[in-house]
Amino acid sequence: MRYGLTIFAHYTWSHTLDVSTDSNGGGAPMNPYNWRLDYGNSNWDIRHRFVASFVYDIPFFHVSNPVLNAVFANWQTNGIWTIQTGIPFNVSVSSDTANTASNGTYRPNLVGKPTSNCGDGHLVNCISTSAFAPIPPGVYEYGSAGRNLLHGPPLFSMNLSFFKNFPIQERLKLQFRTEMFNAFNEVNFANPNAVFGTAAFGTIGSLNPNVPNRIIQFAAKLLF
């Protein structure tokens, strides 16, 4: 802490791989006789994540005038800023290409380098279609594309709060709180439609459910 200001910041690089992500929100492998085909990025593989937070006891208006002091003194502001890269998504096909009735997700063939550029300003055709090819009719096989090859839109979020403390006694105070989640109302998109061969392939049609639109709430808290 310095001059009433405390700042925390950290950056994380990570990479997690697994098979079918069956330990958390996953499912069956595409080919039940060859699980190695599903070894790839986990559903929660977030490569880069930066989080910074601060707590600031605003030093303004500590004056002898009781009216000004009651209105303007004893304010505190806090914030948490989160930036992270997107989570993976699985390019799939809608049909049982191998004719095996597997419970897993079928994928197309990989014929080039897969790329994606999904997010704000890139809501349509944000997946490279030239990197994938359908399984030819009458050829019963599993596609060669790997699982969770591409990552979706990044995430930006800023939470802010303002506290006003009203001292009552030495060990008793009333705190008025204003808290804002996603304070700047950043639009965070969900992953695109990734069913290859459909009209909606590469199109984002929804928002990230983990980051709501801006929410503001007020509260009073008695501290003793």
C-alpha atoms as a PDB file:
ATOM      1  CA  MET A   1       0.000   0.000   0.000  1.00  0.00           C
ATOM      2  CA  ARG A   2       1.244   3.490  -0.855  1.00  0.00           C
ATOM      3  CA  TYR A   3      -0.712   6.747  -0.367  1.00  0.00           C
ATOM      4  CA  GLY A   4      -3.826   4.696   0.242  1.00  0.00           C
ATOM      5  CA  LEU A   5      -3.481   2.760  -3.020  1.00  0.00           C
ATOM      6  CA  THR A   6      -2.987  -1.001  -3.305  1.00  0.00           C
ATOM      7  CA  ILE A   7      -2.522  -2.687  -6.694  1.00  0.00           C
ATOM      8  CA  PHE A   8      -2.368  -6.376  -7.538  1.00  0.00           C
ATOM      9  CA  ALA A   9      -1.598  -7.658 -11.035  1.00  0.00           C
ATOM     10  CA  HIS A  10      -0.778 -11.055 -12.438  1.00  0.00           C
ATOM     11  CA  TYR A  11      -0.448 -12.756 -15.811  1.00  0.00           C
ATOM     12  CA  THR A  12      -0.903 -16.477 -16.436  1.00  0.00           C
ATOM     13  CA  TRP A  13       0.167 -18.519 -19.435  1.00  0.00           C
ATOM     14  CA  SER A  14      -1.286 -21.999 -19.445  1.00  0.00           C
ATOM     15  CA  HIS A  15      -2.046 -24.892 -21.720  1.00  0.00           C
ATOM     16  CA  THR A  16      -4.145 -27.898 -20.784  1.00  0.00           C
ATOM     17  CA  LEU A  17      -4.826 -30.968 -22.910  1.00  0.00           C
ATOM     18  CA  ASP A  18      -6.979 -34.017 -22.328  1.00  0.00           C
ATOM     19  CA  VAL A  19      -9.146 -36.634 -24.019  1.00  0.00           C
ATOM     20  CA  SER A  20     -12.801 -35.686 -24.594  1.00  0.00           C
ATOM     21  CA  THR A  21     -12.731 -33.416 -21.518  1.00  0.00           C
ATOM     22  CA  ASP A  22     -14.835 -36.054 -19.795  1.00  0.00           C
ATOM     23  CA  SER A  23     -13.866 -34.721 -16.363  1.00  0.00           C
ATOM     24  CA  ASN A  24     -15.746 -31.438 -16.817  1.00  0.00           C
ATOM     25  CA  GLY A  25     -18.478 -30.862 -19.368  1.00  0.00           C
ATOM     26  CA  GLY A  26     -17.137 -33.266 -21.910  1.00  0.00           C
ATOM     27  CA  GLY A  27     -18.453 -36.349 -23.649  1.00  0.00           C
ATOM     28  CA  ALA A  28     -17.579 -39.508 -25.486  1.00  0.00           C
ATOM     29  CA  PRO A  29     -14.683 -39.707 -27.957  1.00  0.00           C
ATOM     30  CA  MET A  30     -15.359 -39.608 -31.672  1.00  0.00           C
ATOM     31  CA  ASN A  31     -13.859 -43.061 -32.205  1.00  0.00           C
ATOM     32  CA  PRO A  32     -14.388 -45.276 -29.133  1.00  0.00           C
ATOM     33  CA  TYR A  33     -11.616 -47.599 -30.370  1.00  0.00           C
ATOM     34  CA  ASN A  34      -8.998 -44.865 -30.744  1.00  0.00           C
ATOM     35  CA  TRP A  35      -9.158 -42.233 -28.033  1.00  0.00           C
ATOM     36  CA  ARG A  36      -5.898 -40.673 -29.201  1.00  0.00           C
ATOM     37  CA  LEU A  37      -7.862 -38.991 -32.004  1.00  0.00           C
ATOM     38  CA  ASP A  38      -9.590 -36.878 -29.321  1.00  0.00           C
ATOM     39  CA  TYR A  39      -6.437 -35.872 -27.467  1.00  0.00           C
ATOM     40  CA  GLY A  40      -6.339 -32.087 -27.743  1.00  0.00           C
ATOM     41  CA  ASN A  41      -7.068 -28.775 -26.079  1.00  0.00           C
ATOM     42  CA  SER A  42      -9.321 -29.013 -23.036  1.00  0.00           C
ATOM     43  CA  ASN A  43     -12.633 -27.203 -23.122  1.00  0.00           C
ATOM     44  CA  TRP A  44     -11.266 -24.702 -20.574  1.00  0.00           C
ATOM     45  CA  ASP A  45      -7.836 -24.197 -22.204  1.00  0.00           C
ATOM     46  CA  ILE A  46      -7.203 -20.455 -21.703  1.00  0.00           C
ATOM     47  CA  ARG A  47      -3.697 -19.618 -22.971  1.00  0.00           C
ATOM     48  CA  HIS A  48      -3.343 -16.057 -21.706  1.00  0.00           C
ATOM     49  CA  ARG A  49      -5.040 -14.366 -18.755  1.00  0.00           C
ATOM     50  CA  PHE A  50      -4.268 -11.011 -17.156  1.00  0.00           C
ATOM     51  CA  VAL A  51      -6.028  -9.814 -14.012  1.00  0.00           C
ATOM     52  CA  ALA A  52      -5.365  -6.526 -12.234  1.00  0.00           C
ATOM     53  CA  SER A  53      -7.154  -5.199  -9.173  1.00  0.00           C
ATOM     54  CA  PHE A  54      -6.848  -2.114  -7.011  1.00  0.00           C
ATOM     55  CA  VAL A  55      -8.150  -0.674  -3.767  1.00  0.00           C
ATOM     56  CA  TYR A  56      -7.879   3.088  -3.316  1.00  0.00           C
ATOM     57  CA  ASP A  57      -8.777   5.061  -0.203  1.00  0.00           C
ATOM     58  CA  ILE A  58      -9.465   8.426  -1.840  1.00  0.00           C
ATOM     59  CA  PRO A  59      -7.589  11.050   0.204  1.00  0.00           C
ATOM     60  CA  PHE A  60      -9.687  14.073  -0.865  1.00  0.00           C
ATOM     61  CA  PHE A  61     -11.686  16.417   1.357  1.00  0.00           C
ATOM     62  CA  HIS A  62     -10.418  15.430   4.759  1.00  0.00           C
ATOM     63  CA  VAL A  63     -11.241  18.863   6.121  1.00  0.00           C
ATOM     64  CA  SER A  64     -12.502  20.285   9.393  1.00  0.00           C
ATOM     65  CA  ASN A  65     -15.843  21.450   7.971  1.00  0.00           C
ATOM     66  CA  PRO A  66     -18.267  18.761   9.225  1.00  0.00           C
ATOM     67  CA  VAL A  67     -20.687  19.114   6.299  1.00  0.00           C
ATOM     68  CA  LEU A  68     -18.012  18.824   3.593  1.00  0.00           C
ATOM     69  CA  ASN A  69     -16.310  16.081   5.529  1.00  0.00           C
ATOM     70  CA  ALA A  70     -19.537  14.077   5.819  1.00  0.00           C
ATOM     71  CA  VAL A  71     -20.275  14.347   2.080  1.00  0.00           C
ATOM     72  CA  PHE A  72     -16.859  14.094   0.436  1.00  0.00           C
ATOM     73  CA  ALA A  73     -14.543  12.301   2.860  1.00  0.00           C
ATOM     74  CA  ASN A  74     -14.063   8.577   3.532  1.00  0.00           C
ATOM     75  CA  TRP A  75     -14.598   7.369  -0.026  1.00  0.00           C
ATOM     76  CA  GLN A  76     -12.994   4.205  -1.385  1.00  0.00           C
ATOM     77  CA  THR A  77     -12.924   2.834  -4.931  1.00  0.00           C
ATOM     78  CA  ASN A  78     -12.049  -0.695  -6.038  1.00  0.00           C
ATOM     79  CA  GLY A  79     -11.706  -2.423  -9.381  1.00  0.00           C
ATOM     80  CA  ILE A  80     -10.957  -5.756 -11.024  1.00  0.00           C
ATOM     81  CA  TRP A  81      -9.910  -5.814 -14.683  1.00  0.00           C
ATOM     82  CA  THR A  82      -9.837  -9.160 -16.517  1.00  0.00           C
ATOM     83  CA  ILE A  83      -8.467  -9.825 -20.007  1.00  0.00           C
ATOM     84  CA  GLN A  84      -8.146 -13.335 -21.391  1.00  0.00           C
ATOM     85  CA  THR A  85      -7.955 -15.197 -24.665  1.00  0.00           C
ATOM     86  CA  GLY A  86     -10.872 -17.298 -25.836  1.00  0.00           C
ATOM     87  CA  ILE A  87     -11.750 -20.881 -25.050  1.00  0.00           C
ATOM     88  CA  PRO A  88     -11.508 -23.683 -27.645  1.00  0.00           C
ATOM     89  CA  PHE A  89     -14.282 -24.934 -29.865  1.00  0.00           C
ATOM     90  CA  ASN A  90     -14.684 -28.158 -31.805  1.00  0.00           C
ATOM     91  CA  VAL A  91     -15.275 -28.045 -35.568  1.00  0.00           C
ATOM     92  CA  SER A  92     -17.790 -30.807 -36.202  1.00  0.00           C
ATOM     93  CA  VAL A  93     -20.128 -32.287 -38.790  1.00  0.00           C
ATOM     94  CA  SER A  94     -23.780 -33.096 -38.271  1.00  0.00           C
ATOM     95  CA  SER A  95     -23.804 -36.624 -39.703  1.00  0.00           C
ATOM     96  CA  ASP A  96     -22.448 -40.016 -38.648  1.00  0.00           C
ATOM     97  CA  THR A  97     -19.696 -40.102 -41.258  1.00  0.00           C
ATOM     98  CA  ALA A  98     -18.285 -43.448 -40.111  1.00  0.00           C
ATOM     99  CA  ASN A  99     -21.705 -45.090 -39.799  1.00  0.00           C
ATOM    100  CA  THR A 100     -20.822 -46.421 -36.328  1.00  0.00           C
ATOM    101  CA  ALA A 101     -23.461 -44.634 -34.190  1.00  0.00           C
ATOM    102  CA  SER A 102     -20.747 -43.356 -31.858  1.00  0.00           C
ATOM    103  CA  ASN A 103     -21.860 -40.992 -29.106  1.00  0.00           C
ATOM    104  CA  GLY A 104     -18.906 -38.714 -29.786  1.00  0.00           C
ATOM    105  CA  THR A 105     -18.700 -35.600 -31.959  1.00  0.00           C
ATOM    106  CA  TYR A 106     -17.806 -36.301 -35.580  1.00  0.00           C
ATOM    107  CA  ARG A 107     -15.363 -33.980 -37.320  1.00  0.00           C
ATOM    108  CA  PRO A 108     -14.489 -33.222 -40.958  1.00  0.00           C
ATOM    109  CA  ASN A 109     -11.192 -33.844 -42.700  1.00  0.00           C
ATOM    110  CA  LEU A 110      -8.382 -31.351 -42.207  1.00  0.00           C
ATOM    111  CA  VAL A 111      -6.861 -30.252 -45.534  1.00  0.00           C
ATOM    112  CA  GLY A 112      -5.091 -27.009 -44.557  1.00  0.00           C
ATOM    113  CA  LYS A 113      -4.039 -24.840 -41.644  1.00  0.00           C
ATOM    114  CA  PRO A 114      -7.130 -23.995 -39.566  1.00  0.00           C
ATOM    115  CA  THR A 115      -7.517 -20.350 -38.550  1.00  0.00           C
ATOM    116  CA  SER A 116     -10.172 -18.280 -36.834  1.00  0.00           C
ATOM    117  CA  ASN A 117     -10.664 -14.581 -36.174  1.00  0.00           C
ATOM    118  CA  CYS A 118     -13.826 -14.401 -34.121  1.00  0.00           C
ATOM    119  CA  GLY A 119     -15.037 -11.522 -32.001  1.00  0.00           C
ATOM    120  CA  ASP A 120     -16.057  -7.889 -32.256  1.00  0.00           C
ATOM    121  CA  GLY A 121     -16.226  -6.925 -35.939  1.00  0.00           C
ATOM    122  CA  HIS A 122     -15.851 -10.561 -37.009  1.00  0.00           C
ATOM    123  CA  LEU A 123     -19.222 -12.181 -36.381  1.00  0.00           C
ATOM    124  CA  VAL A 124     -19.702 -13.886 -39.753  1.00  0.00           C
ATOM    125  CA  ASN A 125     -17.346 -16.232 -41.622  1.00  0.00           C
ATOM    126  CA  CYS A 126     -14.769 -16.046 -38.845  1.00  0.00           C
ATOM    127  CA  ILE A 127     -13.518 -19.617 -39.407  1.00  0.00           C
ATOM    128  CA  SER A 128     -11.412 -20.599 -42.410  1.00  0.00           C
ATOM    129  CA  THR A 129     -13.582 -22.947 -44.483  1.00  0.00           C
ATOM    130  CA  SER A 130     -10.712 -23.861 -46.824  1.00  0.00           C
ATOM    131  CA  ALA A 131      -8.943 -25.755 -44.039  1.00  0.00           C
ATOM    132  CA  PHE A 132     -11.701 -28.379 -43.836  1.00  0.00           C
ATOM    133  CA  ALA A 133     -13.306 -30.808 -46.243  1.00  0.00           C
ATOM    134  CA  PRO A 134     -16.340 -33.112 -45.900  1.00  0.00           C
ATOM    135  CA  ILE A 135     -16.092 -36.881 -45.838  1.00  0.00           C
ATOM    136  CA  PRO A 136     -16.923 -38.052 -49.410  1.00  0.00           C
ATOM    137  CA  PRO A 137     -20.340 -39.722 -49.755  1.00  0.00           C
ATOM    138  CA  GLY A 138     -20.164 -43.476 -49.388  1.00  0.00           C
ATOM    139  CA  VAL A 139     -16.771 -43.363 -47.672  1.00  0.00           C
ATOM    140  CA  TYR A 140     -17.351 -44.405 -44.100  1.00  0.00           C
ATOM    141  CA  GLU A 141     -14.549 -42.976 -41.976  1.00  0.00           C
ATOM    142  CA  TYR A 142     -13.775 -40.583 -39.169  1.00  0.00           C
ATOM    143  CA  GLY A 143     -12.543 -37.124 -40.090  1.00  0.00           C
ATOM    144  CA  SER A 144      -8.886 -36.245 -39.627  1.00  0.00           C
ATOM    145  CA  ALA A 145      -9.449 -32.846 -37.964  1.00  0.00           C
ATOM    146  CA  GLY A 146      -8.328 -32.746 -34.367  1.00  0.00           C
ATOM    147  CA  ARG A 147     -10.512 -31.844 -31.402  1.00  0.00           C
ATOM    148  CA  ASN A 148     -10.784 -28.222 -30.182  1.00  0.00           C
ATOM    149  CA  LEU A 149      -8.359 -26.917 -32.807  1.00  0.00           C
ATOM    150  CA  LEU A 150      -9.482 -23.284 -32.669  1.00  0.00           C
ATOM    151  CA  HIS A 151     -10.142 -20.680 -29.982  1.00  0.00           C
ATOM    152  CA  GLY A 152     -13.090 -18.318 -29.769  1.00  0.00           C
ATOM    153  CA  PRO A 153     -13.412 -14.609 -28.940  1.00  0.00           C
ATOM    154  CA  PRO A 154     -11.386 -13.031 -26.122  1.00  0.00           C
ATOM    155  CA  LEU A 155     -12.905 -11.712 -22.913  1.00  0.00           C
ATOM    156  CA  PHE A 156     -12.690  -8.177 -21.478  1.00  0.00           C
ATOM    157  CA  SER A 157     -14.370  -7.206 -18.232  1.00  0.00           C
ATOM    158  CA  MET A 158     -14.039  -4.409 -15.680  1.00  0.00           C
ATOM    159  CA  ASN A 159     -15.795  -4.495 -12.312  1.00  0.00           C
ATOM    160  CA  LEU A 160     -15.857  -1.281 -10.277  1.00  0.00           C
ATOM    161  CA  SER A 161     -17.170  -0.286  -6.880  1.00  0.00           C
ATOM    162  CA  PHE A 162     -17.380   2.877  -4.799  1.00  0.00           C
ATOM    163  CA  PHE A 163     -17.746   2.778  -1.014  1.00  0.00           C
ATOM    164  CA  LYS A 164     -18.659   5.634   1.266  1.00  0.00           C
ATOM    165  CA  ASN A 165     -17.970   5.098   4.972  1.00  0.00           C
ATOM    166  CA  PHE A 166     -19.868   6.946   7.686  1.00  0.00           C
ATOM    167  CA  PRO A 167     -18.037   6.612  11.023  1.00  0.00           C
ATOM    168  CA  ILE A 168     -20.452   6.215  13.933  1.00  0.00           C
ATOM    169  CA  GLN A 169     -18.162   5.082  16.731  1.00  0.00           C
ATOM    170  CA  GLU A 170     -14.585   3.936  16.954  1.00  0.00           C
ATOM    171  CA  ARG A 171     -15.543   0.362  16.061  1.00  0.00           C
ATOM    172  CA  LEU A 172     -18.800   1.010  14.269  1.00  0.00           C
ATOM    173  CA  LYS A 173     -19.416   2.479  10.822  1.00  0.00           C
ATOM    174  CA  LEU A 174     -22.058   2.448   8.123  1.00  0.00           C
ATOM    175  CA  GLN A 175     -20.918   1.747   4.577  1.00  0.00           C
ATOM    176  CA  PHE A 176     -22.843   2.708   1.426  1.00  0.00           C
ATOM    177  CA  ARG A 177     -21.768   0.628  -1.586  1.00  0.00           C
ATOM    178  CA  THR A 178     -22.204   1.079  -5.329  1.00  0.00           C
ATOM    179  CA  GLU A 179     -21.036  -1.956  -7.283  1.00  0.00           C
ATOM    180  CA  MET A 180     -20.851  -2.274 -11.071  1.00  0.00           C
ATOM    181  CA  PHE A 181     -20.227  -5.563 -12.861  1.00  0.00           C
ATOM    182  CA  ASN A 182     -18.925  -5.165 -16.434  1.00  0.00           C
ATOM    183  CA  ALA A 183     -18.842  -1.455 -15.668  1.00  0.00           C
ATOM    184  CA  PHE A 184     -18.061  -0.334 -19.231  1.00  0.00           C
ATOM    185  CA  ASN A 185     -20.687  -2.687 -20.702  1.00  0.00           C
ATOM    186  CA  GLU A 186     -18.150  -4.493 -22.879  1.00  0.00           C
ATOM    187  CA  VAL A 187     -19.755  -6.892 -25.349  1.00  0.00           C
ATOM    188  CA  ASN A 188     -18.238 -10.359 -24.933  1.00  0.00           C
ATOM    189  CA  PHE A 189     -19.237 -12.886 -27.581  1.00  0.00           C
ATOM    190  CA  ALA A 190     -19.679 -16.646 -27.276  1.00  0.00           C
ATOM    191  CA  ASN A 191     -17.958 -19.141 -29.556  1.00  0.00           C
ATOM    192  CA  PRO A 192     -19.205 -19.337 -33.162  1.00  0.00           C
ATOM    193  CA  ASN A 193     -21.302 -22.030 -34.749  1.00  0.00           C
ATOM    194  CA  ALA A 194     -18.740 -24.659 -35.718  1.00  0.00           C
ATOM    195  CA  VAL A 195     -20.819 -27.274 -37.555  1.00  0.00           C
ATOM    196  CA  PHE A 196     -19.009 -27.550 -40.882  1.00  0.00           C
ATOM    197  CA  GLY A 197     -21.177 -27.576 -43.987  1.00  0.00           C
ATOM    198  CA  THR A 198     -24.054 -25.575 -42.513  1.00  0.00           C
ATOM    199  CA  ALA A 199     -25.049 -22.044 -43.513  1.00  0.00           C
ATOM    200  CA  ALA A 200     -24.268 -20.746 -40.020  1.00  0.00           C
ATOM    201  CA  PHE A 201     -20.715 -22.144 -39.929  1.00  0.00           C
ATOM    202  CA  GLY A 202     -18.368 -19.489 -38.553  1.00  0.00           C
ATOM    203  CA  THR A 203     -21.203 -17.227 -37.381  1.00  0.00           C
ATOM    204  CA  ILE A 204     -21.482 -15.881 -33.821  1.00  0.00           C
ATOM    205  CA  GLY A 205     -25.080 -15.671 -32.678  1.00  0.00           C
ATOM    206  CA  SER A 206     -24.894 -15.228 -28.913  1.00  0.00           C
ATOM    207  CA  LEU A 207     -23.021 -13.550 -26.060  1.00  0.00           C
ATOM    208  CA  ASN A 208     -20.684 -15.071 -23.510  1.00  0.00           C
ATOM    209  CA  PRO A 209     -22.971 -16.255 -20.674  1.00  0.00           C
ATOM    210  CA  ASN A 210     -20.190 -15.806 -18.103  1.00  0.00           C
ATOM    211  CA  VAL A 211     -20.042 -12.022 -18.613  1.00  0.00           C
ATOM    212  CA  PRO A 212     -23.453 -10.356 -18.269  1.00  0.00           C
ATOM    213  CA  ASN A 213     -24.378  -6.929 -19.534  1.00  0.00           C
ATOM    214  CA  ARG A 214     -23.616  -4.125 -17.092  1.00  0.00           C
ATOM    215  CA  ILE A 215     -25.186  -4.650 -13.674  1.00  0.00           C
ATOM    216  CA  ILE A 216     -25.295  -1.890 -11.035  1.00  0.00           C
ATOM    217  CA  GLN A 217     -26.349  -2.585  -7.482  1.00  0.00           C
ATOM    218  CA  PHE A 218     -26.505  -0.525  -4.298  1.00  0.00           C
ATOM    219  CA  ALA A 219     -26.178  -1.757  -0.729  1.00  0.00           C
ATOM    220  CA  ALA A 220     -25.710  -0.610   2.830  1.00  0.00           C
ATOM    221  CA  LYS A 221     -23.464  -2.466   5.231  1.00  0.00           C
ATOM    222  CA  LEU A 222     -22.940  -2.051   8.955  1.00  0.00           C
ATOM    223  CA  LEU A 223     -19.362  -2.778  10.031  1.00  0.00           C
ATOM    224  CA  PHE A 224     -18.525  -3.450  13.666  1.00  0.00           C
END
